């Protein structure tokens, strides 16, 4: 399985690692993926998506409590 987020599709990026003499070597910046259970299935999601999902979930719960 590729190192991409299954929710938003975010993947790895190329960047340069700079030494003191400013010589650049290419390195790969990987996404911070976490395992997550979504509807009973295990998914790989980036932490940004997990944070957004929890914020939306809290907002809907708060809204439902306000309407009662």
PDB file of N, CA and C in Angstrom:
ATOM      1  N   UNK A   1       0.834  -1.170   0.000  1.00  0.00           N
ATOM      2  CA  UNK A   1       0.000   0.000   0.000  1.00  0.00           C
ATOM      3  C   UNK A   1       0.887   1.244   0.000  1.00  0.00           C
ATOM      4  N   UNK A   2       0.553   2.187  -0.840  1.00  0.00           N
ATOM      5  CA  UNK A   2       1.329   3.414  -0.943  1.00  0.00           C
ATOM      6  C   UNK A   2       1.113   4.279   0.295  1.00  0.00           C
ATOM      7  N   UNK A   3       2.079   5.125   0.586  1.00  0.00           N
ATOM      8  CA  UNK A   3       1.963   5.997   1.744  1.00  0.00           C
ATOM      9  C   UNK A   3       1.170   7.249   1.377  1.00  0.00           C
ATOM     10  N   UNK A   4      -0.122   7.063   1.175  1.00  0.00           N
ATOM     11  CA  UNK A   4      -1.017   8.181   0.892  1.00  0.00           C
ATOM     12  C   UNK A   4      -2.218   8.089   1.819  1.00  0.00           C
ATOM     13  N   UNK A   5      -2.800   9.232   2.089  1.00  0.00           N
ATOM     14  CA  UNK A   5      -4.003   9.293   2.909  1.00  0.00           C
ATOM     15  C   UNK A   5      -5.175   8.796   2.076  1.00  0.00           C
ATOM     16  N   UNK A   6      -5.957   7.880   2.637  1.00  0.00           N
ATOM     17  CA  UNK A   6      -7.090   7.321   1.905  1.00  0.00           C
ATOM     18  C   UNK A   6      -8.290   8.258   1.895  1.00  0.00           C
ATOM     19  N   UNK A   7      -8.271   9.307   2.723  1.00  0.00           N
ATOM     20  CA  UNK A   7      -9.388  10.242   2.765  1.00  0.00           C
ATOM     21  C   UNK A   7      -9.181  11.426   1.825  1.00  0.00           C
ATOM     22  N   UNK A   8      -7.989  12.022   1.842  1.00  0.00           N
ATOM     23  CA  UNK A   8      -7.761  13.216   1.016  1.00  0.00           C
ATOM     24  C   UNK A   8      -6.788  12.976  -0.131  1.00  0.00           C
ATOM     25  N   UNK A   9      -6.039  11.867  -0.119  1.00  0.00           N
ATOM     26  CA  UNK A   9      -5.114  11.565  -1.198  1.00  0.00           C
ATOM     27  C   UNK A   9      -3.752  12.222  -1.071  1.00  0.00           C
ATOM     28  N   UNK A  10      -3.471  12.821   0.082  1.00  0.00           N
ATOM     29  CA  UNK A  10      -2.175  13.456   0.299  1.00  0.00           C
ATOM     30  C   UNK A  10      -1.076  12.406   0.321  1.00  0.00           C
ATOM     31  N   UNK A  11       0.048  12.696  -0.336  1.00  0.00           N
ATOM     32  CA  UNK A  11       1.138  11.736  -0.408  1.00  0.00           C
ATOM     33  C   UNK A  11       2.477  12.361  -0.062  1.00  0.00           C
ATOM     34  N   UNK A  12       3.539  11.669  -0.410  1.00  0.00           N
ATOM     35  CA  UNK A  12       4.893  12.119  -0.109  1.00  0.00           C
ATOM     36  C   UNK A  12       5.295  13.285  -1.001  1.00  0.00           C
ATOM     37  N   UNK A  13       6.229  14.098  -0.494  1.00  0.00           N
ATOM     38  CA  UNK A  13       6.764  15.234  -1.235  1.00  0.00           C
ATOM     39  C   UNK A  13       8.279  15.122  -1.311  1.00  0.00           C
ATOM     40  N   UNK A  14       8.856  15.672  -2.381  1.00  0.00           N
ATOM     41  CA  UNK A  14      10.310  15.740  -2.483  1.00  0.00           C
ATOM     42  C   UNK A  14      10.764  17.078  -1.929  1.00  0.00           C
ATOM     43  N   UNK A  15      11.875  17.061  -1.197  1.00  0.00           N
ATOM     44  CA  UNK A  15      12.443  18.296  -0.674  1.00  0.00           C
ATOM     45  C   UNK A  15      13.958  18.164  -0.674  1.00  0.00           C
ATOM     46  N   UNK A  16      14.618  19.263  -0.380  1.00  0.00           N
ATOM     47  CA  UNK A  16      16.075  19.282  -0.355  1.00  0.00           C
ATOM     48  C   UNK A  16      16.563  19.392   1.081  1.00  0.00           C
ATOM     49  N   UNK A  17      17.519  18.549   1.425  1.00  0.00           N
ATOM     50  CA  UNK A  17      18.196  18.641   2.705  1.00  0.00           C
ATOM     51  C   UNK A  17      19.478  19.426   2.461  1.00  0.00           C
ATOM     52  N   UNK A  18      19.632  20.547   3.148  1.00  0.00           N
ATOM     53  CA  UNK A  18      20.777  21.434   2.904  1.00  0.00           C
ATOM     54  C   UNK A  18      21.847  21.258   3.975  1.00  0.00           C
ATOM     55  N   UNK A  19      23.090  21.109   3.535  1.00  0.00           N
ATOM     56  CA  UNK A  19      24.213  21.015   4.465  1.00  0.00           C
ATOM     57  C   UNK A  19      24.728  22.423   4.768  1.00  0.00           C
ATOM     58  N   UNK A  20      25.755  22.490   5.586  1.00  0.00           N
ATOM     59  CA  UNK A  20      26.333  23.789   5.933  1.00  0.00           C
ATOM     60  C   UNK A  20      26.906  24.486   4.701  1.00  0.00           C
ATOM     61  N   UNK A  21      27.467  23.715   3.764  1.00  0.00           N
ATOM     62  CA  UNK A  21      28.021  24.309   2.543  1.00  0.00           C
ATOM     63  C   UNK A  21      26.939  24.512   1.479  1.00  0.00           C
ATOM     64  N   UNK A  22      25.692  24.319   1.853  1.00  0.00           N
ATOM     65  CA  UNK A  22      24.522  24.554   1.004  1.00  0.00           C
ATOM     66  C   UNK A  22      24.407  23.559  -0.149  1.00  0.00           C
ATOM     67  N   UNK A  23      25.033  22.388  -0.007  1.00  0.00           N
ATOM     68  CA  UNK A  23      24.854  21.326  -0.988  1.00  0.00           C
ATOM     69  C   UNK A  23      23.522  20.647  -0.675  1.00  0.00           C
ATOM     70  N   UNK A  24      22.721  20.465  -1.696  1.00  0.00           N
ATOM     71  CA  UNK A  24      21.401  19.889  -1.485  1.00  0.00           C
ATOM     72  C   UNK A  24      21.333  18.431  -1.876  1.00  0.00           C
ATOM     73  N   UNK A  25      20.767  17.628  -1.009  1.00  0.00           N
ATOM     74  CA  UNK A  25      20.484  16.238  -1.344  1.00  0.00           C
ATOM     75  C   UNK A  25      18.974  16.046  -1.259  1.00  0.00           C
ATOM     76  N   UNK A  26      18.448  15.313  -2.216  1.00  0.00           N
ATOM     77  CA  UNK A  26      17.005  15.119  -2.279  1.00  0.00           C
ATOM     78  C   UNK A  26      16.577  14.121  -1.210  1.00  0.00           C
ATOM     79  N   UNK A  27      15.548  14.492  -0.461  1.00  0.00           N
ATOM     80  CA  UNK A  27      14.973  13.576   0.521  1.00  0.00           C
ATOM     81  C   UNK A  27      13.460  13.569   0.333  1.00  0.00           C
ATOM     82  N   UNK A  28      12.821  12.581   0.904  1.00  0.00           N
ATOM     83  CA  UNK A  28      11.379  12.427   0.764  1.00  0.00           C
ATOM     84  C   UNK A  28      10.712  12.771   2.093  1.00  0.00           C
ATOM     85  N   UNK A  29       9.773  13.700   2.059  1.00  0.00           N
ATOM     86  CA  UNK A  29       8.997  14.024   3.250  1.00  0.00           C
ATOM     87  C   UNK A  29       7.714  13.211   3.208  1.00  0.00           C
ATOM     88  N   UNK A  30       7.540  12.358   4.196  1.00  0.00           N
ATOM     89  CA  UNK A  30       6.384  11.469   4.215  1.00  0.00           C
ATOM     90  C   UNK A  30       5.263  12.067   5.055  1.00  0.00           C
ATOM     91  N   UNK A  31       4.047  11.710   4.692  1.00  0.00           N
ATOM     92  CA  UNK A  31       2.868  12.178   5.402  1.00  0.00           C
ATOM     93  C   UNK A  31       2.745  11.414   6.719  1.00  0.00           C
ATOM     94  N   UNK A  32       2.266  12.090   7.759  1.00  0.00           N
ATOM     95  CA  UNK A  32       2.067  11.463   9.063  1.00  0.00           C
ATOM     96  C   UNK A  32       0.763  10.669   9.028  1.00  0.00           C
ATOM     97  N   UNK A  33       0.864   9.385   8.680  1.00  0.00           N
ATOM     98  CA  UNK A  33      -0.316   8.528   8.555  1.00  0.00           C
ATOM     99  C   UNK A  33      -0.561   7.761   9.846  1.00  0.00           C
ATOM    100  N   UNK A  34      -1.830   7.630  10.192  1.00  0.00           N
ATOM    101  CA  UNK A  34      -2.248   6.879  11.366  1.00  0.00           C
ATOM    102  C   UNK A  34      -3.327   5.897  10.946  1.00  0.00           C
ATOM    103  N   UNK A  35      -3.367   4.742  11.591  1.00  0.00           N
ATOM    104  CA  UNK A  35      -4.434   3.776  11.342  1.00  0.00           C
ATOM    105  C   UNK A  35      -5.688   4.247  12.050  1.00  0.00           C
ATOM    106  N   UNK A  36      -6.821   4.078  11.366  1.00  0.00           N
ATOM    107  CA  UNK A  36      -8.074   4.595  11.887  1.00  0.00           C
ATOM    108  C   UNK A  36      -9.195   3.651  11.494  1.00  0.00           C
ATOM    109  N   UNK A  37     -10.134   3.399  12.401  1.00  0.00           N
ATOM    110  CA  UNK A  37     -11.301   2.581  12.086  1.00  0.00           C
ATOM    111  C   UNK A  37     -12.418   3.493  11.596  1.00  0.00           C
ATOM    112  N   UNK A  38     -12.843   3.295  10.342  1.00  0.00           N
ATOM    113  CA  UNK A  38     -13.937   4.066   9.762  1.00  0.00           C
ATOM    114  C   UNK A  38     -14.989   3.077   9.291  1.00  0.00           C
ATOM    115  N   UNK A  39     -16.153   3.110   9.918  1.00  0.00           N
ATOM    116  CA  UNK A  39     -17.255   2.201   9.594  1.00  0.00           C
ATOM    117  C   UNK A  39     -16.822   0.732   9.626  1.00  0.00           C
ATOM    118  N   UNK A  40     -16.007   0.370  10.613  1.00  0.00           N
ATOM    119  CA  UNK A  40     -15.580  -1.008  10.779  1.00  0.00           C
ATOM    120  C   UNK A  40     -14.429  -1.433   9.892  1.00  0.00           C
ATOM    121  N   UNK A  41     -13.904  -0.538   9.053  1.00  0.00           N
ATOM    122  CA  UNK A  41     -12.773  -0.863   8.179  1.00  0.00           C
ATOM    123  C   UNK A  41     -11.563  -0.035   8.593  1.00  0.00           C
ATOM    124  N   UNK A  42     -10.390  -0.669   8.530  1.00  0.00           N
ATOM    125  CA  UNK A  42      -9.160   0.014   8.891  1.00  0.00           C
ATOM    126  C   UNK A  42      -8.691   0.864   7.717  1.00  0.00           C
ATOM    127  N   UNK A  43      -8.436   2.149   7.975  1.00  0.00           N
ATOM    128  CA  UNK A  43      -7.998   3.100   6.949  1.00  0.00           C
ATOM    129  C   UNK A  43      -6.713   3.785   7.400  1.00  0.00           C
ATOM    130  N   UNK A  44      -5.925   4.235   6.416  1.00  0.00           N
ATOM    131  CA  UNK A  44      -4.747   5.048   6.686  1.00  0.00           C
ATOM    132  C   UNK A  44      -5.136   6.497   6.419  1.00  0.00           C
ATOM    133  N   UNK A  45      -5.131   7.323   7.458  1.00  0.00           N
ATOM    134  CA  UNK A  45      -5.527   8.723   7.320  1.00  0.00           C
ATOM    135  C   UNK A  45      -4.437   9.613   7.893  1.00  0.00           C
ATOM    136  N   UNK A  46      -4.222  10.761   7.251  1.00  0.00           N
ATOM    137  CA  UNK A  46      -3.233  11.708   7.764  1.00  0.00           C
ATOM    138  C   UNK A  46      -3.816  12.409   8.995  1.00  0.00           C
ATOM    139  N   UNK A  47      -2.949  12.922   9.842  1.00  0.00           N
ATOM    140  CA  UNK A  47      -3.393  13.532  11.090  1.00  0.00           C
ATOM    141  C   UNK A  47      -4.243  14.763  10.830  1.00  0.00           C
ATOM    142  N   UNK A  48      -4.005  15.450   9.720  1.00  0.00           N
ATOM    143  CA  UNK A  48      -4.807  16.617   9.386  1.00  0.00           C
ATOM    144  C   UNK A  48      -6.260  16.214   9.153  1.00  0.00           C
ATOM    145  N   UNK A  49      -6.491  15.127   8.440  1.00  0.00           N
ATOM    146  CA  UNK A  49      -7.854  14.635   8.189  1.00  0.00           C
ATOM    147  C   UNK A  49      -8.505  14.162   9.482  1.00  0.00           C
ATOM    148  N   UNK A  50      -7.733  13.522  10.356  1.00  0.00           N
ATOM    149  CA  UNK A  50      -8.280  13.039  11.620  1.00  0.00           C
ATOM    150  C   UNK A  50      -8.731  14.217  12.474  1.00  0.00           C
ATOM    151  N   UNK A  51      -7.928  15.270  12.528  1.00  0.00           N
ATOM    152  CA  UNK A  51      -8.284  16.465  13.299  1.00  0.00           C
ATOM    153  C   UNK A  51      -9.539  17.112  12.743  1.00  0.00           C
ATOM    154  N   UNK A  52      -9.613  17.229  11.410  1.00  0.00           N
ATOM    155  CA  UNK A  52     -10.774  17.839  10.779  1.00  0.00           C
ATOM    156  C   UNK A  52     -12.025  17.011  11.049  1.00  0.00           C
ATOM    157  N   UNK A  53     -11.910  15.697  10.971  1.00  0.00           N
ATOM    158  CA  UNK A  53     -13.059  14.819  11.194  1.00  0.00           C
ATOM    159  C   UNK A  53     -13.567  14.932  12.630  1.00  0.00           C
ATOM    160  N   UNK A  54     -12.659  14.993  13.606  1.00  0.00           N
ATOM    161  CA  UNK A  54     -13.097  15.104  14.995  1.00  0.00           C
ATOM    162  C   UNK A  54     -13.743  16.457  15.254  1.00  0.00           C
ATOM    163  N   UNK A  55     -13.233  17.521  14.624  1.00  0.00           N
ATOM    164  CA  UNK A  55     -13.849  18.841  14.779  1.00  0.00           C
ATOM    165  C   UNK A  55     -15.262  18.843  14.212  1.00  0.00           C
ATOM    166  N   UNK A  56     -15.443  18.245  13.041  1.00  0.00           N
ATOM    167  CA  UNK A  56     -16.777  18.188  12.434  1.00  0.00           C
ATOM    168  C   UNK A  56     -17.726  17.346  13.274  1.00  0.00           C
ATOM    169  N   UNK A  57     -17.226  16.246  13.822  1.00  0.00           N
ATOM    170  CA  UNK A  57     -18.051  15.377  14.653  1.00  0.00           C
ATOM    171  C   UNK A  57     -18.495  16.105  15.917  1.00  0.00           C
ATOM    172  N   UNK A  58     -17.565  16.820  16.559  1.00  0.00           N
ATOM    173  CA  UNK A  58     -17.911  17.576  17.761  1.00  0.00           C
ATOM    174  C   UNK A  58     -18.921  18.672  17.454  1.00  0.00           C
ATOM    175  N   UNK A  59     -18.780  19.318  16.289  1.00  0.00           N
ATOM    176  CA  UNK A  59     -19.703  20.388  15.910  1.00  0.00           C
ATOM    177  C   UNK A  59     -21.112  19.849  15.687  1.00  0.00           C
ATOM    178  N   UNK A  60     -21.230  18.691  15.048  1.00  0.00           N
ATOM    179  CA  UNK A  60     -22.559  18.123  14.808  1.00  0.00           C
ATOM    180  C   UNK A  60     -23.203  17.662  16.110  1.00  0.00           C
ATOM    181  N   UNK A  61     -22.417  17.096  17.025  1.00  0.00           N
ATOM    182  CA  UNK A  61     -22.951  16.674  18.319  1.00  0.00           C
ATOM    183  C   UNK A  61     -23.424  17.891  19.104  1.00  0.00           C
ATOM    184  N   UNK A  62     -22.641  18.956  19.075  1.00  0.00           N
ATOM    185  CA  UNK A  62     -23.002  20.186  19.780  1.00  0.00           C
ATOM    186  C   UNK A  62     -24.280  20.784  19.193  1.00  0.00           C
ATOM    187  N   UNK A  63     -24.398  20.741  17.875  1.00  0.00           N
ATOM    188  CA  UNK A  63     -25.574  21.284  17.204  1.00  0.00           C
ATOM    189  C   UNK A  63     -26.812  20.453  17.536  1.00  0.00           C
ATOM    190  N   UNK A  64     -26.671  19.135  17.600  1.00  0.00           N
ATOM    191  CA  UNK A  64     -27.798  18.271  17.938  1.00  0.00           C
ATOM    192  C   UNK A  64     -28.258  18.496  19.376  1.00  0.00           C
ATOM    193  N   UNK A  65     -27.309  18.737  20.289  1.00  0.00           N
ATOM    194  CA  UNK A  65     -27.671  19.012  21.677  1.00  0.00           C
ATOM    195  C   UNK A  65     -28.400  20.345  21.794  1.00  0.00           C
ATOM    196  N   UNK A  66     -28.023  21.318  20.965  1.00  0.00           N
ATOM    197  CA  UNK A  66     -28.648  22.637  21.017  1.00  0.00           C
ATOM    198  C   UNK A  66     -30.087  22.602  20.510  1.00  0.00           C
ATOM    199  N   UNK A  67     -30.391  21.704  19.577  1.00  0.00           N
ATOM    200  CA  UNK A  67     -31.740  21.634  19.022  1.00  0.00           C
ATOM    201  C   UNK A  67     -32.703  20.871  19.926  1.00  0.00           C
ATOM    202  N   UNK A  68     -32.191  20.117  20.897  1.00  0.00           N
ATOM    203  CA  UNK A  68     -33.072  19.347  21.796  1.00  0.00           C
ATOM    204  C   UNK A  68     -33.740  20.232  22.806  1.00  0.00           C
TER     205      UNK A  68
END
